[in-house]
Amino acid sequence: MKKMSVALAVSLLSLAGTAAAQSTGVTMSTDPAKAADIEQRAQMLQDAQDKQSAMKMEMPGHKAKHPHHGAKASGASAAQ
């Protein structure tokens, strides 16, 4: 009986902890200043993500500008 009551107490405590953690996740505010701040942060994050993806798109093109070692040798022999 004692083991069952300990198990029940642990279960209840874990459920209470889970409920408390979930209740603090999302809050609602009607303050226009807070809403504007959140929208500004979201826009900044979006701009940063766009900039990173644009930089990734440029990287493969940068590597393609350099000739391969084999191309240099064949170009040098063709000039002579």
C-alpha atoms as a PDB file:
ATOM      1  CA  MET A   1       0.000   0.000   0.000  1.00  0.00           C
ATOM      2  CA  LYS A   2       2.857   2.330   0.835  1.00  0.00           C
ATOM      3  CA  LYS A   3       4.479   1.790  -2.606  1.00  0.00           C
ATOM      4  CA  MET A   4       1.196   2.582  -4.319  1.00  0.00           C
ATOM      5  CA  SER A   5       0.715   5.832  -2.416  1.00  0.00           C
ATOM      6  CA  VAL A   6       4.293   6.917  -3.187  1.00  0.00           C
ATOM      7  CA  ALA A   7       3.770   6.138  -6.882  1.00  0.00           C
ATOM      8  CA  LEU A   8       0.500   8.078  -6.854  1.00  0.00           C
ATOM      9  CA  ALA A   9       2.159  11.071  -5.177  1.00  0.00           C
ATOM     10  CA  VAL A  10       4.987  11.088  -7.721  1.00  0.00           C
ATOM     11  CA  SER A  11       2.490  10.887 -10.569  1.00  0.00           C
ATOM     12  CA  LEU A  12       0.453  13.783  -9.223  1.00  0.00           C
ATOM     13  CA  LEU A  13       3.543  15.918  -8.695  1.00  0.00           C
ATOM     14  CA  SER A  14       4.762  15.269 -12.232  1.00  0.00           C
ATOM     15  CA  LEU A  15       1.349  16.139 -13.667  1.00  0.00           C
ATOM     16  CA  ALA A  16       1.260  19.347 -11.639  1.00  0.00           C
ATOM     17  CA  GLY A  17       4.735  20.265 -12.882  1.00  0.00           C
ATOM     18  CA  THR A  18       3.738  19.629 -16.466  1.00  0.00           C
ATOM     19  CA  ALA A  19       0.599  21.726 -16.119  1.00  0.00           C
ATOM     20  CA  ALA A  20       2.555  24.596 -14.585  1.00  0.00           C
ATOM     21  CA  ALA A  21       5.149  24.500 -17.362  1.00  0.00           C
ATOM     22  CA  GLN A  22       2.494  24.566 -20.076  1.00  0.00           C
ATOM     23  CA  SER A  23       0.553  27.445 -18.566  1.00  0.00           C
ATOM     24  CA  THR A  24       3.532  29.841 -18.728  1.00  0.00           C
ATOM     25  CA  GLY A  25       4.318  29.277 -22.423  1.00  0.00           C
ATOM     26  CA  VAL A  26       2.045  31.653 -24.353  1.00  0.00           C
ATOM     27  CA  THR A  27       0.592  34.875 -23.014  1.00  0.00           C
ATOM     28  CA  MET A  28      -1.804  37.342 -24.580  1.00  0.00           C
ATOM     29  CA  SER A  29      -1.345  41.070 -24.419  1.00  0.00           C
ATOM     30  CA  THR A  30      -3.431  43.982 -25.663  1.00  0.00           C
ATOM     31  CA  ASP A  31      -0.563  46.471 -25.299  1.00  0.00           C
ATOM     32  CA  PRO A  32       0.123  48.002 -28.739  1.00  0.00           C
ATOM     33  CA  ALA A  33       3.752  48.740 -27.855  1.00  0.00           C
ATOM     34  CA  LYS A  34       4.413  45.072 -27.053  1.00  0.00           C
ATOM     35  CA  ALA A  35       2.704  43.997 -30.264  1.00  0.00           C
ATOM     36  CA  ALA A  36       4.801  46.424 -32.313  1.00  0.00           C
ATOM     37  CA  ASP A  37       7.986  45.205 -30.607  1.00  0.00           C
ATOM     38  CA  ILE A  38       7.158  41.578 -31.371  1.00  0.00           C
ATOM     39  CA  GLU A  39       6.326  42.399 -34.993  1.00  0.00           C
ATOM     40  CA  GLN A  40       9.627  44.278 -35.342  1.00  0.00           C
ATOM     41  CA  ARG A  41      11.584  41.326 -33.923  1.00  0.00           C
ATOM     42  CA  ALA A  42       9.773  38.937 -36.255  1.00  0.00           C
ATOM     43  CA  GLN A  43      10.638  41.143 -39.238  1.00  0.00           C
ATOM     44  CA  MET A  44      14.293  41.295 -38.166  1.00  0.00           C
ATOM     45  CA  LEU A  45      14.413  37.488 -37.889  1.00  0.00           C
ATOM     46  CA  GLN A  46      12.826  37.124 -41.320  1.00  0.00           C
ATOM     47  CA  ASP A  47      15.332  39.550 -42.843  1.00  0.00           C
ATOM     48  CA  ALA A  48      18.243  37.678 -41.248  1.00  0.00           C
ATOM     49  CA  GLN A  49      16.967  34.351 -42.595  1.00  0.00           C
ATOM     50  CA  ASP A  50      16.541  35.833 -46.070  1.00  0.00           C
ATOM     51  CA  LYS A  51      20.067  37.240 -45.959  1.00  0.00           C
ATOM     52  CA  GLN A  52      21.513  33.874 -44.893  1.00  0.00           C
ATOM     53  CA  SER A  53      19.701  31.999 -47.644  1.00  0.00           C
ATOM     54  CA  ALA A  54      20.868  34.579 -50.213  1.00  0.00           C
ATOM     55  CA  MET A  55      24.459  34.135 -49.023  1.00  0.00           C
ATOM     56  CA  LYS A  56      24.159  30.358 -49.368  1.00  0.00           C
ATOM     57  CA  MET A  57      22.903  30.763 -52.916  1.00  0.00           C
ATOM     58  CA  GLU A  58      25.956  32.895 -53.800  1.00  0.00           C
ATOM     59  CA  MET A  59      28.524  30.463 -52.405  1.00  0.00           C
ATOM     60  CA  PRO A  60      28.347  27.755 -55.137  1.00  0.00           C
ATOM     61  CA  GLY A  61      28.732  30.434 -57.841  1.00  0.00           C
ATOM     62  CA  HIS A  62      31.860  31.710 -56.148  1.00  0.00           C
ATOM     63  CA  LYS A  63      33.539  28.317 -56.386  1.00  0.00           C
ATOM     64  CA  ALA A  64      32.633  27.933 -60.061  1.00  0.00           C
ATOM     65  CA  LYS A  65      34.671  31.034 -61.022  1.00  0.00           C
ATOM     66  CA  HIS A  66      37.968  29.312 -60.217  1.00  0.00           C
ATOM     67  CA  PRO A  67      39.348  27.032 -62.960  1.00  0.00           C
ATOM     68  CA  HIS A  68      40.297  23.487 -62.122  1.00  0.00           C
ATOM     69  CA  HIS A  69      43.918  22.394 -62.068  1.00  0.00           C
ATOM     70  CA  GLY A  70      43.394  20.243 -65.150  1.00  0.00           C
ATOM     71  CA  ALA A  71      42.012  23.225 -67.069  1.00  0.00           C
ATOM     72  CA  LYS A  72      45.149  25.267 -66.353  1.00  0.00           C
ATOM     73  CA  ALA A  73      47.444  22.534 -67.701  1.00  0.00           C
ATOM     74  CA  SER A  74      45.418  22.035 -70.867  1.00  0.00           C
ATOM     75  CA  GLY A  75      45.184  25.794 -71.446  1.00  0.00           C
ATOM     76  CA  ALA A  76      48.947  26.227 -71.038  1.00  0.00           C
ATOM     77  CA  SER A  77      49.761  23.434 -73.504  1.00  0.00           C
ATOM     78  CA  ALA A  78      47.270  24.785 -76.046  1.00  0.00           C
ATOM     79  CA  ALA A  79      48.927  28.232 -75.964  1.00  0.00           C
ATOM     80  CA  GLN A  80      52.378  26.803 -76.840  1.00  0.00           C
END
